[in-house]
C-alpha atoms as a PDB file:
ATOM      1  CA  ARG A   1       0.811  47.869 136.056  1.00  0.00           C
ATOM      2  CA  SER A   2       2.721  45.299 133.271  1.00  0.00           C
ATOM      3  CA  SER A   3       5.655  46.007 130.813  1.00  0.00           C
ATOM      4  CA  ALA A   4       5.155  46.066 127.142  1.00  0.00           C
ATOM      5  CA  LEU A   5       6.979  42.662 126.818  1.00  0.00           C
ATOM      6  CA  ASP A   6       5.121  41.116 129.791  1.00  0.00           C
ATOM      7  CA  CYS A   7       2.033  42.581 127.738  1.00  0.00           C
ATOM      8  CA  ILE A   8       3.152  40.776 124.017  1.00  0.00           C
ATOM      9  CA  LEU A   9       3.695  37.215 126.361  1.00  0.00           C
ATOM     10  CA  SER A  10       0.648  37.424 127.845  1.00  0.00           C
ATOM     11  CA  SER A  11      -1.049  37.162 124.016  1.00  0.00           C
ATOM     12  CA  PHE A  12       0.485  33.694 123.810  1.00  0.00           C
ATOM     13  CA  GLN A  13      -1.073  32.863 127.228  1.00  0.00           C
ATOM     14  CA  MET A  14      -4.910  31.838 128.266  1.00  0.00           C
ATOM     15  CA  ASN A  15      -6.440  34.840 129.810  1.00  0.00           C
ATOM     16  CA  ASN A  16      -9.571  37.011 129.016  1.00  0.00           C
ATOM     17  CA  GLU A  17      -7.401  39.474 126.199  1.00  0.00           C
ATOM     18  CA  THR A  18      -6.022  36.424 124.496  1.00  0.00           C
ATOM     19  CA  ILE A  19      -8.525  35.457 121.952  1.00  0.00           C
ATOM     20  CA  ASN A  20      -9.833  39.292 122.217  1.00  0.00           C
ATOM     21  CA  ILE A  21      -6.052  40.151 120.124  1.00  0.00           C
ATOM     22  CA  TRP A  22      -6.051  37.458 118.079  1.00  0.00           C
ATOM     23  CA  THR A  23      -9.737  37.436 116.402  1.00  0.00           C
ATOM     24  CA  HIS A  24      -8.334  40.790 115.461  1.00  0.00           C
ATOM     25  CA  PHE A  25      -4.525  40.144 114.495  1.00  0.00           C
ATOM     26  CA  LEU A  26      -5.047  37.414 112.537  1.00  0.00           C
ATOM     27  CA  PRO A  27      -7.667  39.423 109.724  1.00  0.00           C
ATOM     28  CA  THR A  28      -4.752  42.174 109.851  1.00  0.00           C
ATOM     29  CA  TRP A  29      -3.150  39.505 108.214  1.00  0.00           C
ATOM     30  CA  TYR A  30      -5.618  38.991 105.804  1.00  0.00           C
ATOM     31  CA  PHE A  31      -6.886  41.812 105.047  1.00  0.00           C
ATOM     32  CA  LEU A  32      -2.813  43.218 104.331  1.00  0.00           C
ATOM     33  CA  TRP A  33      -2.977  40.421 102.028  1.00  0.00           C
ATOM     34  CA  ARG A  34      -6.136  41.002 100.181  1.00  0.00           C
ATOM     35  CA  PHE A  35      -4.663  44.772  99.874  1.00  0.00           C
ATOM     36  CA  CYS A  36      -1.160  43.144  98.368  1.00  0.00           C
ATOM     37  CA  VAL A  37      -3.353  41.363  95.925  1.00  0.00           C
ATOM     38  CA  LEU A  38      -5.083  44.335  94.416  1.00  0.00           C
ATOM     39  CA  CYS A  39      -1.735  46.266  94.584  1.00  0.00           C
ATOM     40  CA  SER A  40      -0.407  43.911  91.858  1.00  0.00           C
ATOM     41  CA  THR A  41      -3.703  44.141  89.573  1.00  0.00           C
ATOM     42  CA  LEU A  42      -5.068  47.782  89.926  1.00  0.00           C
ATOM     43  CA  ASN A  43      -2.854  51.241  89.313  1.00  0.00           C
ATOM     44  CA  PHE A  44      -3.061  53.122  92.684  1.00  0.00           C
ATOM     45  CA  LEU A  45      -0.253  55.559  91.767  1.00  0.00           C
ATOM     46  CA  THR A  46      -1.633  56.839  88.348  1.00  0.00           C
ATOM     47  CA  ASP A  47      -5.748  55.590  88.194  1.00  0.00           C
ATOM     48  CA  SER A  48      -7.339  58.176  90.214  1.00  0.00           C
ATOM     49  CA  TYR A  49     -10.758  56.082  89.735  1.00  0.00           C
ATOM     50  CA  THR A  50      -8.730  53.517  92.124  1.00  0.00           C
ATOM     51  CA  TRP A  51      -8.010  55.954  95.394  1.00  0.00           C
ATOM     52  CA  PRO A  52     -11.267  55.478  97.072  1.00  0.00           C
ATOM     53  CA  LEU A  53     -10.676  51.781  97.231  1.00  0.00           C
ATOM     54  CA  LEU A  54      -6.834  52.728  97.915  1.00  0.00           C
ATOM     55  CA  VAL A  55      -7.699  54.548 101.279  1.00  0.00           C
ATOM     56  CA  TYR A  56     -10.865  51.573 102.362  1.00  0.00           C
ATOM     57  CA  MET A  57      -8.350  49.441 102.068  1.00  0.00           C
ATOM     58  CA  MET A  58      -5.228  50.695 103.990  1.00  0.00           C
ATOM     59  CA  LEU A  59      -8.213  51.601 106.802  1.00  0.00           C
ATOM     60  CA  ILE A  60      -9.288  47.970 106.607  1.00  0.00           C
ATOM     61  CA  CYS A  61      -5.827  46.937 107.406  1.00  0.00           C
ATOM     62  CA  VAL A  62      -5.398  49.859 110.206  1.00  0.00           C
ATOM     63  CA  TYR A  63      -8.855  49.305 112.790  1.00  0.00           C
ATOM     64  CA  PRO A  64      -8.462  45.694 113.364  1.00  0.00           C
ATOM     65  CA  PHE A  65      -4.372  46.128 114.122  1.00  0.00           C
ATOM     66  CA  THR A  66      -5.624  49.224 116.136  1.00  0.00           C
ATOM     67  CA  SER A  67      -7.827  47.015 118.000  1.00  0.00           C
ATOM     68  CA  SER A  68      -5.301  44.271 118.732  1.00  0.00           C
ATOM     69  CA  CYS A  69      -2.674  46.326 120.092  1.00  0.00           C
ATOM     70  CA  ALA A  70      -5.408  48.334 122.448  1.00  0.00           C
ATOM     71  CA  HIS A  71      -6.168  44.951 123.975  1.00  0.00           C
ATOM     72  CA  THR A  72      -2.282  43.736 124.432  1.00  0.00           C
ATOM     73  CA  PHE A  73      -0.996  46.412 125.689  1.00  0.00           C
ATOM     74  CA  SER A  74      -4.141  48.119 127.774  1.00  0.00           C
ATOM     75  CA  THR A  75      -2.916  46.410 131.249  1.00  0.00           C
ATOM     76  CA  MET A  76      -0.194  48.514 131.369  1.00  0.00           C
ATOM     77  CA  SER A  77      -1.627  50.588 133.502  1.00  0.00           C
ATOM     78  CA  ALA A  78      -5.007  52.524 134.412  1.00  0.00           C
ATOM     79  CA  GLU A  79      -4.202  55.411 132.240  1.00  0.00           C
ATOM     80  CA  SER A  80      -2.486  53.752 129.132  1.00  0.00           C
ATOM     81  CA  ARG A  81      -6.023  51.712 129.251  1.00  0.00           C
ATOM     82  CA  HIS A  82      -7.836  54.542 128.270  1.00  0.00           C
ATOM     83  CA  ILE A  83      -4.714  56.148 125.633  1.00  0.00           C
ATOM     84  CA  CYS A  84      -4.840  52.726 123.858  1.00  0.00           C
ATOM     85  CA  TYR A  85      -8.846  52.310 123.628  1.00  0.00           C
ATOM     86  CA  PHE A  86      -8.632  55.980 122.526  1.00  0.00           C
ATOM     87  CA  PHE A  87      -6.813  54.927 119.503  1.00  0.00           C
ATOM     88  CA  ASP A  88      -8.930  52.025 118.712  1.00  0.00           C
ATOM     89  CA  TYR A  89     -11.975  54.651 118.481  1.00  0.00           C
ATOM     90  CA  GLY A  90      -9.903  57.019 116.426  1.00  0.00           C
ATOM     91  CA  ALA A  91      -9.322  53.764 113.960  1.00  0.00           C
ATOM     92  CA  LEU A  92     -12.862  53.182 113.838  1.00  0.00           C
ATOM     93  CA  SER A  93     -13.887  56.500 113.352  1.00  0.00           C
ATOM     94  CA  LEU A  94     -11.291  56.531 110.319  1.00  0.00           C
ATOM     95  CA  TYR A  95     -12.295  53.288 108.921  1.00  0.00           C
ATOM     96  CA  SER A  96     -16.102  55.052 108.935  1.00  0.00           C
ATOM     97  CA  LEU A  97     -14.569  57.648 106.630  1.00  0.00           C
ATOM     98  CA  GLY A  98     -12.927  54.969 104.051  1.00  0.00           C
ATOM     99  CA  CYS A  99     -15.854  53.447 104.253  1.00  0.00           C
ATOM    100  CA  ALA A 100     -18.009  56.781 103.194  1.00  0.00           C
ATOM    101  CA  ILE A 101     -15.498  57.636 100.359  1.00  0.00           C
ATOM    102  CA  SER A 102     -15.378  54.100  98.756  1.00  0.00           C
ATOM    103  CA  TYR A 103     -19.539  54.507  99.145  1.00  0.00           C
ATOM    104  CA  GLY A 104     -20.081  57.939  97.647  1.00  0.00           C
ATOM    105  CA  TYR A 105     -17.871  57.089  94.860  1.00  0.00           C
ATOM    106  CA  TYR A 106     -18.877  52.839  93.898  1.00  0.00           C
ATOM    107  CA  VAL A 107     -21.890  52.260  95.692  1.00  0.00           C
ATOM    108  CA  MET A 108     -23.921  55.432  95.509  1.00  0.00           C
ATOM    109  CA  PRO A 109     -27.093  55.022  93.755  1.00  0.00           C
ATOM    110  CA  GLU A 110     -27.504  55.846  90.244  1.00  0.00           C
ATOM    111  CA  CYS A 111     -30.046  58.186  90.661  1.00  0.00           C
ATOM    112  CA  TRP A 112     -28.170  60.326  93.590  1.00  0.00           C
ATOM    113  CA  VAL A 113     -25.077  60.515  91.336  1.00  0.00           C
ATOM    114  CA  ASN A 114     -24.086  64.411  91.208  1.00  0.00           C
ATOM    115  CA  SER A 115     -26.712  65.558  94.270  1.00  0.00           C
ATOM    116  CA  TRP A 116     -26.102  67.231  96.776  1.00  0.00           C
ATOM    117  CA  LEU A 117     -25.310  64.697  99.324  1.00  0.00           C
ATOM    118  CA  HIS A 118     -23.208  63.049  96.902  1.00  0.00           C
ATOM    119  CA  GLN A 119     -21.211  66.224  96.598  1.00  0.00           C
ATOM    120  CA  TYR A 120     -21.008  67.216 100.137  1.00  0.00           C
ATOM    121  CA  PHE A 121     -20.574  63.068 101.504  1.00  0.00           C
ATOM    122  CA  VAL A 122     -16.971  63.175 101.651  1.00  0.00           C
ATOM    123  CA  PRO A 123     -16.949  66.486 104.116  1.00  0.00           C
ATOM    124  CA  ILE A 124     -19.877  65.339 106.360  1.00  0.00           C
ATOM    125  CA  ALA A 125     -18.237  61.736 107.011  1.00  0.00           C
ATOM    126  CA  ILE A 126     -14.780  63.954 108.028  1.00  0.00           C
ATOM    127  CA  GLY A 127     -17.144  65.850 110.050  1.00  0.00           C
ATOM    128  CA  ASN A 128     -18.887  62.242 111.767  1.00  0.00           C
ATOM    129  CA  THR A 129     -15.247  61.257 112.504  1.00  0.00           C
ATOM    130  CA  VAL A 130     -14.414  64.311 114.798  1.00  0.00           C
ATOM    131  CA  PHE A 131     -17.842  63.402 116.196  1.00  0.00           C
ATOM    132  CA  CYS A 132     -17.573  59.726 116.896  1.00  0.00           C
ATOM    133  CA  THR A 133     -13.929  60.367 118.096  1.00  0.00           C
ATOM    134  CA  SER A 134     -14.599  62.771 120.534  1.00  0.00           C
ATOM    135  CA  LEU A 135     -17.902  61.482 121.995  1.00  0.00           C
ATOM    136  CA  SER A 136     -16.673  57.849 122.268  1.00  0.00           C
ATOM    137  CA  CYS A 137     -13.224  58.744 123.968  1.00  0.00           C
ATOM    138  CA  TYR A 138     -15.045  61.250 126.465  1.00  0.00           C
ATOM    139  CA  SER A 139     -17.503  58.161 127.682  1.00  0.00           C
ATOM    140  CA  ARG A 140     -14.304  56.501 129.246  1.00  0.00           C
ATOM    141  CA  PHE A 141     -14.547  59.084 131.602  1.00  0.00           C
ATOM    142  CA  LEU A 142     -17.566  58.042 132.577  1.00  0.00           C
ATOM    143  CA  GLU A 143     -17.237  54.548 132.769  1.00  0.00           C
ATOM    144  CA  LEU A 144     -16.211  53.729 136.527  1.00  0.00           C
ATOM    145  CA  GLN A 145     -19.814  56.197 137.358  1.00  0.00           C
ATOM    146  CA  PHE A 146     -21.994  56.097 135.069  1.00  0.00           C
ATOM    147  CA  PRO A 147     -21.184  52.371 133.157  1.00  0.00           C
ATOM    148  CA  LYS A 148     -24.945  52.644 131.061  1.00  0.00           C
ATOM    149  CA  ARG A 149     -24.265  56.496 130.077  1.00  0.00           C
ATOM    150  CA  SER A 150     -20.943  55.385 129.169  1.00  0.00           C
ATOM    151  CA  LYS A 151     -22.002  52.163 127.051  1.00  0.00           C
ATOM    152  CA  ALA A 152     -24.600  54.467 125.301  1.00  0.00           C
ATOM    153  CA  LEU A 153     -22.592  57.127 124.425  1.00  0.00           C
ATOM    154  CA  ARG A 154     -20.125  54.856 122.901  1.00  0.00           C
ATOM    155  CA  THR A 155     -22.302  53.507 121.161  1.00  0.00           C
ATOM    156  CA  ILE A 156     -23.810  56.358 119.534  1.00  0.00           C
ATOM    157  CA  ALA A 157     -20.670  57.370 118.657  1.00  0.00           C
ATOM    158  CA  PHE A 158     -20.407  54.561 116.366  1.00  0.00           C
ATOM    159  CA  VAL A 159     -23.799  54.178 115.207  1.00  0.00           C
ATOM    160  CA  VAL A 160     -24.375  57.713 113.205  1.00  0.00           C
ATOM    161  CA  PRO A 161     -21.383  57.300 111.254  1.00  0.00           C
ATOM    162  CA  PHE A 162     -22.415  53.698 110.160  1.00  0.00           C
ATOM    163  CA  ILE A 163     -26.017  54.832 109.761  1.00  0.00           C
ATOM    164  CA  PHE A 164     -25.075  58.196 107.621  1.00  0.00           C
ATOM    165  CA  ASP A 165     -22.569  55.872 105.589  1.00  0.00           C
ATOM    166  CA  THR A 166     -25.002  52.926 105.068  1.00  0.00           C
ATOM    167  CA  VAL A 167     -27.700  55.355 103.731  1.00  0.00           C
ATOM    168  CA  PRO A 168     -27.322  55.229 100.143  1.00  0.00           C
ATOM    169  CA  LEU A 169     -26.649  51.771 100.542  1.00  0.00           C
ATOM    170  CA  ILE A 170     -29.753  50.915 101.993  1.00  0.00           C
ATOM    171  CA  TYR A 171     -31.568  53.513  99.536  1.00  0.00           C
ATOM    172  CA  ARG A 172     -30.131  51.397  96.270  1.00  0.00           C
ATOM    173  CA  ILE A 173     -30.917  48.000  97.752  1.00  0.00           C
ATOM    174  CA  LEU A 174     -34.662  49.527  98.780  1.00  0.00           C
ATOM    175  CA  LEU A 175     -34.858  50.397  94.693  1.00  0.00           C
ATOM    176  CA  CYS A 176     -34.071  46.866  93.409  1.00  0.00           C
ATOM    177  CA  CYS A 177     -36.485  45.178  96.126  1.00  0.00           C
ATOM    178  CA  GLY A 178     -38.897  47.155  94.227  1.00  0.00           C
ATOM    179  CA  GLY A 179     -37.709  46.433  91.159  1.00  0.00           C
ATOM    180  CA  SER A 180     -35.523  49.563  89.578  1.00  0.00           C
ATOM    181  CA  CYS A 181     -32.541  47.723  89.717  1.00  0.00           C
ATOM    182  CA  SER A 182     -31.234  44.116  89.094  1.00  0.00           C
ATOM    183  CA  PRO A 183     -29.988  42.584  92.194  1.00  0.00           C
ATOM    184  CA  THR A 184     -25.170  42.150  91.454  1.00  0.00           C
ATOM    185  CA  GLY A 185     -23.261  40.029  93.199  1.00  0.00           C
ATOM    186  CA  ALA A 186     -22.105  43.178  94.894  1.00  0.00           C
ATOM    187  CA  LEU A 187     -25.579  43.820  96.311  1.00  0.00           C
ATOM    188  CA  SER A 188     -25.386  40.655  97.814  1.00  0.00           C
ATOM    189  CA  ASN A 189     -22.205  41.337  99.517  1.00  0.00           C
ATOM    190  CA  HIS A 190     -23.562  44.456 100.705  1.00  0.00           C
ATOM    191  CA  CYS A 191     -26.738  42.629 102.560  1.00  0.00           C
ATOM    192  CA  TYR A 192     -24.394  40.045 104.144  1.00  0.00           C
ATOM    193  CA  HIS A 193     -22.218  42.646 105.843  1.00  0.00           C
ATOM    194  CA  LEU A 194     -25.145  44.427 106.626  1.00  0.00           C
ATOM    195  CA  LEU A 195     -26.276  41.458 108.150  1.00  0.00           C
ATOM    196  CA  PHE A 196     -23.524  40.902 110.015  1.00  0.00           C
ATOM    197  CA  ALA A 197     -23.363  44.708 110.895  1.00  0.00           C
ATOM    198  CA  PHE A 198     -26.413  44.553 113.155  1.00  0.00           C
ATOM    199  CA  LEU A 199     -25.343  41.563 114.524  1.00  0.00           C
ATOM    200  CA  THR A 200     -21.756  43.216 115.390  1.00  0.00           C
ATOM    201  CA  CYS A 201     -24.252  45.914 117.121  1.00  0.00           C
ATOM    202  CA  PHE A 202     -26.096  43.545 119.069  1.00  0.00           C
ATOM    203  CA  LEU A 203     -23.263  41.714 120.362  1.00  0.00           C
ATOM    204  CA  PHE A 204     -21.948  45.399 121.361  1.00  0.00           C
ATOM    205  CA  THR A 205     -24.612  46.215 123.335  1.00  0.00           C
ATOM    206  CA  ALA A 206     -26.756  42.541 124.456  1.00  0.00           C
ATOM    207  CA  HIS A 207     -23.453  41.509 126.914  1.00  0.00           C
ATOM    208  CA  LEU A 208     -24.707  37.791 125.691  1.00  0.00           C
ATOM    209  CA  PRO A 209     -24.097  35.129 126.265  1.00  0.00           C
ATOM    210  CA  GLU A 210     -22.320  35.639 129.486  1.00  0.00           C
ATOM    211  CA  ARG A 211     -25.360  37.650 131.052  1.00  0.00           C
ATOM    212  CA  LEU A 212     -27.389  34.383 131.006  1.00  0.00           C
ATOM    213  CA  ALA A 213     -24.069  32.115 132.755  1.00  0.00           C
ATOM    214  CA  PRO A 214     -21.332  34.540 134.581  1.00  0.00           C
ATOM    215  CA  GLY A 215     -17.895  32.904 134.755  1.00  0.00           C
ATOM    216  CA  CYS A 216     -18.785  30.190 131.994  1.00  0.00           C
ATOM    217  CA  PHE A 217     -17.254  32.627 129.061  1.00  0.00           C
ATOM    218  CA  ASP A 218     -14.334  34.336 130.331  1.00  0.00           C
ATOM    219  CA  TYR A 219     -12.284  32.540 127.981  1.00  0.00           C
ATOM    220  CA  PHE A 220     -13.723  31.418 124.944  1.00  0.00           C
ATOM    221  CA  GLY A 221     -17.222  32.625 123.285  1.00  0.00           C
ATOM    222  CA  HIS A 222     -17.931  35.656 125.172  1.00  0.00           C
ATOM    223  CA  SER A 223     -19.742  38.769 123.041  1.00  0.00           C
ATOM    224  CA  HIS A 224     -16.569  40.924 122.785  1.00  0.00           C
ATOM    225  CA  GLN A 225     -14.879  37.764 121.169  1.00  0.00           C
ATOM    226  CA  LEU A 226     -18.011  37.152 119.038  1.00  0.00           C
ATOM    227  CA  PHE A 227     -18.157  41.302 118.516  1.00  0.00           C
ATOM    228  CA  HIS A 228     -14.874  41.053 117.060  1.00  0.00           C
ATOM    229  CA  VAL A 229     -15.412  37.790 114.785  1.00  0.00           C
ATOM    230  CA  SER A 230     -18.562  39.514 113.521  1.00  0.00           C
ATOM    231  CA  ALA A 231     -16.541  42.683 112.857  1.00  0.00           C
ATOM    232  CA  VAL A 232     -14.267  41.153 110.697  1.00  0.00           C
ATOM    233  CA  VAL A 233     -17.007  38.897 108.023  1.00  0.00           C
ATOM    234  CA  GLY A 234     -18.710  42.215 107.939  1.00  0.00           C
ATOM    235  CA  SER A 235     -15.980  43.704 107.094  1.00  0.00           C
ATOM    236  CA  HIS A 236     -14.819  41.036 104.635  1.00  0.00           C
ATOM    237  CA  PHE A 237     -18.191  41.475 102.619  1.00  0.00           C
ATOM    238  CA  GLN A 238     -18.292  45.083 102.511  1.00  0.00           C
ATOM    239  CA  MET A 239     -15.114  45.108 100.938  1.00  0.00           C
ATOM    240  CA  GLU A 240     -16.011  42.454  98.358  1.00  0.00           C
ATOM    241  CA  GLY A 241     -18.950  44.288  97.593  1.00  0.00           C
ATOM    242  CA  VAL A 242     -17.150  47.667  97.328  1.00  0.00           C
ATOM    243  CA  ILE A 243     -14.575  45.942  94.933  1.00  0.00           C
ATOM    244  CA  ALA A 244     -17.532  44.465  93.178  1.00  0.00           C
ATOM    245  CA  ASP A 245     -19.341  47.767  92.289  1.00  0.00           C
ATOM    246  CA  MET A 246     -15.865  49.272  91.638  1.00  0.00           C
ATOM    247  CA  THR A 247     -15.533  46.866  88.381  1.00  0.00           C
ATOM    248  CA  SER A 248     -19.094  46.267  87.387  1.00  0.00           C
ATOM    249  CA  ARG A 249     -20.091  50.107  88.006  1.00  0.00           C
ATOM    250  CA  ARG A 250     -16.390  51.717  86.648  1.00  0.00           C
ATOM    251  CA  THR A 251     -17.913  52.699  83.050  1.00  0.00           C
ATOM    252  CA  TRP A 252     -21.134  54.340  84.180  1.00  0.00           C
ATOM    253  CA  LEU A 253     -19.430  56.115  87.102  1.00  0.00           C
ATOM    254  CA  LEU A 254     -16.906  57.520  84.662  1.00  0.00           C
ATOM    255  CA  LYS A 255     -19.048  58.791  82.501  1.00  0.00           C
ATOM    256  CA  HIS A 256     -22.184  60.183  84.813  1.00  0.00           C
ATOM    257  CA  GLY A 257     -20.300  60.730  87.876  1.00  0.00           C
ATOM    258  CA  MET A 258     -17.194  63.067  89.333  1.00  0.00           C
ATOM    259  CA  MET A 259     -13.858  61.521  88.953  1.00  0.00           C
ATOM    260  CA  PRO A 260     -12.092  60.900  92.266  1.00  0.00           C
ATOM    261  CA  SER A 261      -9.853  63.871  93.498  1.00  0.00           C
ATOM    262  CA  PHE A 262      -6.922  63.720  95.516  1.00  0.00           C
ATOM    263  CA  LEU A 263      -8.443  66.248  98.294  1.00  0.00           C
ATOM    264  CA  GLY A 264     -11.855  63.778  98.055  1.00  0.00           C
ATOM    265  CA  THR A 265      -9.750  60.828  99.179  1.00  0.00           C
ATOM    266  CA  ILE A 266      -6.411  60.453 100.140  1.00  0.00           C
ATOM    267  CA  GLY A 267      -6.717  64.312 101.680  1.00  0.00           C
ATOM    268  CA  ALA A 268      -9.916  63.676 103.516  1.00  0.00           C
ATOM    269  CA  LEU A 269      -7.779  60.638 104.696  1.00  0.00           C
ATOM    270  CA  ALA A 270      -4.490  63.564 106.042  1.00  0.00           C
ATOM    271  CA  ILE A 271      -7.005  65.716 107.478  1.00  0.00           C
ATOM    272  CA  SER A 272      -9.162  63.553 109.392  1.00  0.00           C
ATOM    273  CA  LEU A 273      -6.630  62.235 110.463  1.00  0.00           C
ATOM    274  CA  VAL A 274      -4.193  65.405 111.821  1.00  0.00           C
ATOM    275  CA  ILE A 275      -7.791  66.192 113.573  1.00  0.00           C
ATOM    276  CA  ASN A 276      -8.816  63.068 115.322  1.00  0.00           C
ATOM    277  CA  LEU A 277      -4.707  62.761 116.242  1.00  0.00           C
ATOM    278  CA  GLY A 278      -5.332  66.352 117.558  1.00  0.00           C
ATOM    279  CA  ILE A 279      -8.607  65.041 119.680  1.00  0.00           C
ATOM    280  CA  ILE A 280      -7.088  62.005 121.263  1.00  0.00           C
ATOM    281  CA  GLY A 281      -3.917  64.051 122.468  1.00  0.00           C
ATOM    282  CA  ILE A 282      -6.537  66.463 124.225  1.00  0.00           C
ATOM    283  CA  PHE A 283      -8.305  63.357 125.672  1.00  0.00           C
ATOM    284  CA  SER A 284      -4.463  62.047 126.678  1.00  0.00           C
ATOM    285  CA  ALA A 285      -3.099  64.978 127.815  1.00  0.00           C
ATOM    286  CA  PRO A 286      -4.327  65.089 131.682  1.00  0.00           C
ATOM    287  CA  LEU A 287      -4.023  61.149 131.614  1.00  0.00           C
ATOM    288  CA  LEU A 288      -0.413  61.450 130.697  1.00  0.00           C
ATOM    289  CA  TRP A 289       0.357  64.542 133.488  1.00  0.00           C
ATOM    290  CA  LYS A 290      -1.187  62.516 135.842  1.00  0.00           C
ATOM    291  CA  SER A 291       0.637  59.312 135.356  1.00  0.00           C
ATOM    292  CA  CYS A 292       3.657  61.623 135.634  1.00  0.00           C
ATOM    293  CA  ARG A 293       2.300  63.736 138.641  1.00  0.00           C
ATOM    294  CA  THR A 294       1.869  59.966 139.979  1.00  0.00           C
ATOM    295  CA  LYS A 295       5.666  59.345 139.099  1.00  0.00           C
ATOM    296  CA  ASN A 296       7.167  61.549 140.304  1.00  0.00           C
ATOM    297  CA  LYS A 297       5.074  61.799 143.758  1.00  0.00           C
ATOM    298  CA  TYR A 298       6.297  57.705 143.917  1.00  0.00           C
ATOM    299  CA  ILE A 299      10.029  58.848 143.603  1.00  0.00           C
ATOM    300  CA  ASN A 300      10.483  61.248 146.044  1.00  0.00           C
ATOM    301  CA  LYS A 301       9.052  59.369 148.833  1.00  0.00           C
ATOM    302  CA  THR A 302      11.942  56.360 147.577  1.00  0.00           C
ATOM    303  CA  SER A 303      14.199  58.941 147.603  1.00  0.00           C
ATOM    304  CA  LEU A 304      13.227  60.335 151.352  1.00  0.00           C
END
């Protein structure tokens, strides 16, 4: 057990979590800087066309910060470790919603605009956040007895929203490969993002290189650190692709597509946030109850 102050101080000392903390804490400030620059150049308050980007930028700042906090404070107790990662998974789940909202309004192939999938893309993505957060939180309770099953469930929890979010993008890329559209800078960024997304998934599941040389990568170079770096680099390219599509496709999308609504962007985020916080609360409640009972037993023993 460690205090919150001990956890913060430990982030400045070399241990197996130090690089995990900083590989997501520092990128948080980079994404915040990009967000501030966009706030100074775009009218997020009154231009509803920019609202999908607003939601996306908020969540791309939140997910690495939440991850950094989870790695920082997870050593406070066994219960706090689970709860910290519940919030980490919830933030990633909401980030998948931010991707879906921005993809639905900016990245959707022209031939899919106003289709059934386009109209229900965001509501389905909200359902995906419920699935993702629920399954990933549940997987932690299997970690000790069934570690492989736990890992598999957690991987599925995040792969499903990713596949759903990227189906329109992959179809658009395939259309361009077939000569139905001309390659753009936005698509180049999206391709780089997909490359790093697949690398991120590989690093998360393969546990390389530490499997090849146990003990040699405890502090530097283990797969989770590389996983963090790959995820952040992929998010950078995704962000650049979304911004490029928002700018270059604005005229066509405003003419032929649906105008982003408050309910379909900020409202969707608010609804999903409440639902996912409720899920985290449900999974956290028995752990908090167990912690309180243990603490009360300890107090009763010491008072006798």
